[in-house]
Amino acid sequence: SLNEGVNLTTMLAMRVGVPTIGFRNPDVKEIINDGVSGLLVPYKDEVGLADGIIRLSKDTDLQQRLSDAARTTVQQYHNLAETVENYKKLYHAIVPSAKQDM
């Protein structure tokens, strides 16, 4: 999606090692390091996106490098259990009367 922040679908794809291409915007740049954990193309540049897809389809070494780095990136920086705990802390800060055993 062009309007979504850090795209959950992108994160899940990276988590299982799918080489990923995204449009360059501040939110996507938080998870995809261009040329390291995926490829970034200019925002709304459909030709650039197509070029990235073609580049990936022809370069199996690049596919593997991006896949490995993507998996590592998501595991290190986007841990689901940690995210859940952070949301719980935020919720309890906003609603202090909520049960703490949630």
C-alpha atoms as a PDB file:
ATOM      1  CA  SER A   1       0.000   0.000   0.000  1.00  0.00           C
ATOM      2  CA  LEU A   2       1.269   3.462  -0.805  1.00  0.00           C
ATOM      3  CA  ASN A   3      -0.396   4.988   2.247  1.00  0.00           C
ATOM      4  CA  GLU A   4       0.387   2.390   4.902  1.00  0.00           C
ATOM      5  CA  GLY A   5       3.226   2.869   7.367  1.00  0.00           C
ATOM      6  CA  VAL A   6       5.445  -0.114   8.124  1.00  0.00           C
ATOM      7  CA  ASN A   7       3.594  -2.705   6.136  1.00  0.00           C
ATOM      8  CA  LEU A   8       2.807  -5.866   8.089  1.00  0.00           C
ATOM      9  CA  THR A   9       2.776  -7.892   4.874  1.00  0.00           C
ATOM     10  CA  THR A  10       6.297  -6.687   4.087  1.00  0.00           C
ATOM     11  CA  MET A  11       7.495  -7.616   7.570  1.00  0.00           C
ATOM     12  CA  LEU A  12       5.913 -11.070   7.367  1.00  0.00           C
ATOM     13  CA  ALA A  13       7.433 -11.670   3.928  1.00  0.00           C
ATOM     14  CA  MET A  14      10.843 -10.632   5.213  1.00  0.00           C
ATOM     15  CA  ARG A  15      10.398 -12.839   8.288  1.00  0.00           C
ATOM     16  CA  VAL A  16      10.125 -15.920   6.068  1.00  0.00           C
ATOM     17  CA  GLY A  17      12.911 -14.784   3.753  1.00  0.00           C
ATOM     18  CA  VAL A  18      11.083 -13.393   0.746  1.00  0.00           C
ATOM     19  CA  PRO A  19      13.314 -10.873  -1.075  1.00  0.00           C
ATOM     20  CA  THR A  20      11.364  -7.631  -0.783  1.00  0.00           C
ATOM     21  CA  ILE A  21      11.013  -4.497  -2.886  1.00  0.00           C
ATOM     22  CA  GLY A  22       9.318  -1.396  -1.517  1.00  0.00           C
ATOM     23  CA  PHE A  23       8.660   2.199  -2.387  1.00  0.00           C
ATOM     24  CA  ARG A  24      11.095   4.527  -0.635  1.00  0.00           C
ATOM     25  CA  ASN A  25       9.302   6.410   2.123  1.00  0.00           C
ATOM     26  CA  PRO A  26      10.249   7.078   5.753  1.00  0.00           C
ATOM     27  CA  ASP A  27       8.186   4.199   7.164  1.00  0.00           C
ATOM     28  CA  VAL A  28       9.442   1.556   4.743  1.00  0.00           C
ATOM     29  CA  LYS A  29      13.027   2.762   5.168  1.00  0.00           C
ATOM     30  CA  GLU A  30      12.700   1.798   8.850  1.00  0.00           C
ATOM     31  CA  ILE A  31      12.579  -1.881   7.921  1.00  0.00           C
ATOM     32  CA  ILE A  32      14.171  -2.194   4.466  1.00  0.00           C
ATOM     33  CA  ASN A  33      17.818  -1.200   4.200  1.00  0.00           C
ATOM     34  CA  ASP A  34      18.229  -0.618   0.451  1.00  0.00           C
ATOM     35  CA  GLY A  35      20.481  -3.205  -1.129  1.00  0.00           C
ATOM     36  CA  VAL A  36      20.962  -5.015   2.186  1.00  0.00           C
ATOM     37  CA  SER A  37      17.620  -6.367   3.432  1.00  0.00           C
ATOM     38  CA  GLY A  38      15.580  -5.494   0.351  1.00  0.00           C
ATOM     39  CA  LEU A  39      15.367  -3.065  -2.522  1.00  0.00           C
ATOM     40  CA  LEU A  40      13.855   0.407  -2.391  1.00  0.00           C
ATOM     41  CA  VAL A  41      12.605   2.333  -5.394  1.00  0.00           C
ATOM     42  CA  PRO A  42      11.431   5.941  -5.597  1.00  0.00           C
ATOM     43  CA  TYR A  43       7.906   6.536  -4.343  1.00  0.00           C
ATOM     44  CA  LYS A  44       5.252   5.712  -6.981  1.00  0.00           C
ATOM     45  CA  ASP A  45       7.934   4.780  -9.553  1.00  0.00           C
ATOM     46  CA  GLU A  46       6.271   1.837 -11.282  1.00  0.00           C
ATOM     47  CA  VAL A  47       9.109   1.537 -13.811  1.00  0.00           C
ATOM     48  CA  GLY A  48      11.628   1.416 -10.972  1.00  0.00           C
ATOM     49  CA  LEU A  49       9.529  -1.250  -9.265  1.00  0.00           C
ATOM     50  CA  ALA A  50       9.447  -3.316 -12.462  1.00  0.00           C
ATOM     51  CA  ASP A  51      13.207  -2.876 -12.868  1.00  0.00           C
ATOM     52  CA  GLY A  52      13.727  -4.087  -9.297  1.00  0.00           C
ATOM     53  CA  ILE A  53      11.572  -7.150  -9.900  1.00  0.00           C
ATOM     54  CA  ILE A  54      13.503  -7.967 -13.073  1.00  0.00           C
ATOM     55  CA  ARG A  55      16.823  -7.400 -11.305  1.00  0.00           C
ATOM     56  CA  LEU A  56      15.828  -9.777  -8.512  1.00  0.00           C
ATOM     57  CA  SER A  57      14.491 -12.408 -10.884  1.00  0.00           C
ATOM     58  CA  LYS A  58      17.834 -12.556 -12.707  1.00  0.00           C
ATOM     59  CA  ASP A  59      20.205 -12.503  -9.716  1.00  0.00           C
ATOM     60  CA  THR A  60      19.916 -15.530  -7.420  1.00  0.00           C
ATOM     61  CA  ASP A  61      22.886 -14.383  -5.312  1.00  0.00           C
ATOM     62  CA  LEU A  62      21.120 -11.084  -4.638  1.00  0.00           C
ATOM     63  CA  GLN A  63      17.919 -12.952  -3.808  1.00  0.00           C
ATOM     64  CA  GLN A  64      19.764 -15.044  -1.217  1.00  0.00           C
ATOM     65  CA  ARG A  65      21.640 -12.099   0.334  1.00  0.00           C
ATOM     66  CA  LEU A  66      18.463 -10.022   0.647  1.00  0.00           C
ATOM     67  CA  SER A  67      16.534 -13.012   1.972  1.00  0.00           C
ATOM     68  CA  ASP A  68      19.086 -13.777   4.692  1.00  0.00           C
ATOM     69  CA  ALA A  69      19.427 -10.129   5.739  1.00  0.00           C
ATOM     70  CA  ALA A  70      15.650  -9.594   5.719  1.00  0.00           C
ATOM     71  CA  ARG A  71      15.087 -12.558   8.029  1.00  0.00           C
ATOM     72  CA  THR A  72      17.785 -11.320  10.409  1.00  0.00           C
ATOM     73  CA  THR A  73      16.458  -7.742  10.356  1.00  0.00           C
ATOM     74  CA  VAL A  74      12.938  -8.749  11.325  1.00  0.00           C
ATOM     75  CA  GLN A  75      14.127 -11.182  13.987  1.00  0.00           C
ATOM     76  CA  GLN A  76      16.439  -8.603  15.576  1.00  0.00           C
ATOM     77  CA  TYR A  77      14.426  -5.427  15.334  1.00  0.00           C
ATOM     78  CA  HIS A  78      10.799  -6.420  15.034  1.00  0.00           C
ATOM     79  CA  ASN A  79      10.251  -9.059  17.673  1.00  0.00           C
ATOM     80  CA  LEU A  80       6.555  -9.966  18.044  1.00  0.00           C
ATOM     81  CA  ALA A  81       6.709 -10.772  21.772  1.00  0.00           C
ATOM     82  CA  GLU A  82       8.469  -7.487  22.476  1.00  0.00           C
ATOM     83  CA  THR A  83       5.919  -5.586  20.387  1.00  0.00           C
ATOM     84  CA  VAL A  84       3.048  -7.184  22.318  1.00  0.00           C
ATOM     85  CA  GLU A  85       4.677  -6.246  25.635  1.00  0.00           C
ATOM     86  CA  ASN A  86       5.155  -2.664  24.453  1.00  0.00           C
ATOM     87  CA  TYR A  87       1.483  -2.429  23.458  1.00  0.00           C
ATOM     88  CA  LYS A  88       0.438  -3.839  26.828  1.00  0.00           C
ATOM     89  CA  LYS A  89       2.556  -1.238  28.641  1.00  0.00           C
ATOM     90  CA  LEU A  90       1.074   1.520  26.511  1.00  0.00           C
ATOM     91  CA  TYR A  91      -2.458   0.259  27.136  1.00  0.00           C
ATOM     92  CA  HIS A  92      -1.888   0.109  30.894  1.00  0.00           C
ATOM     93  CA  ALA A  93      -0.412   3.609  30.851  1.00  0.00           C
ATOM     94  CA  ILE A  94      -3.516   4.899  29.084  1.00  0.00           C
ATOM     95  CA  VAL A  95      -6.009   2.787  31.056  1.00  0.00           C
ATOM     96  CA  PRO A  96      -4.411   2.375  34.484  1.00  0.00           C
ATOM     97  CA  SER A  97      -7.423   0.509  35.892  1.00  0.00           C
ATOM     98  CA  ALA A  98      -7.042  -2.336  33.371  1.00  0.00           C
ATOM     99  CA  LYS A  99      -6.128  -5.765  34.707  1.00  0.00           C
ATOM    100  CA  GLN A 100      -2.359  -6.229  34.866  1.00  0.00           C
ATOM    101  CA  ASP A 101      -2.556  -9.965  34.068  1.00  0.00           C
ATOM    102  CA  MET A 102      -3.651  -9.264  30.499  1.00  0.00           C
END
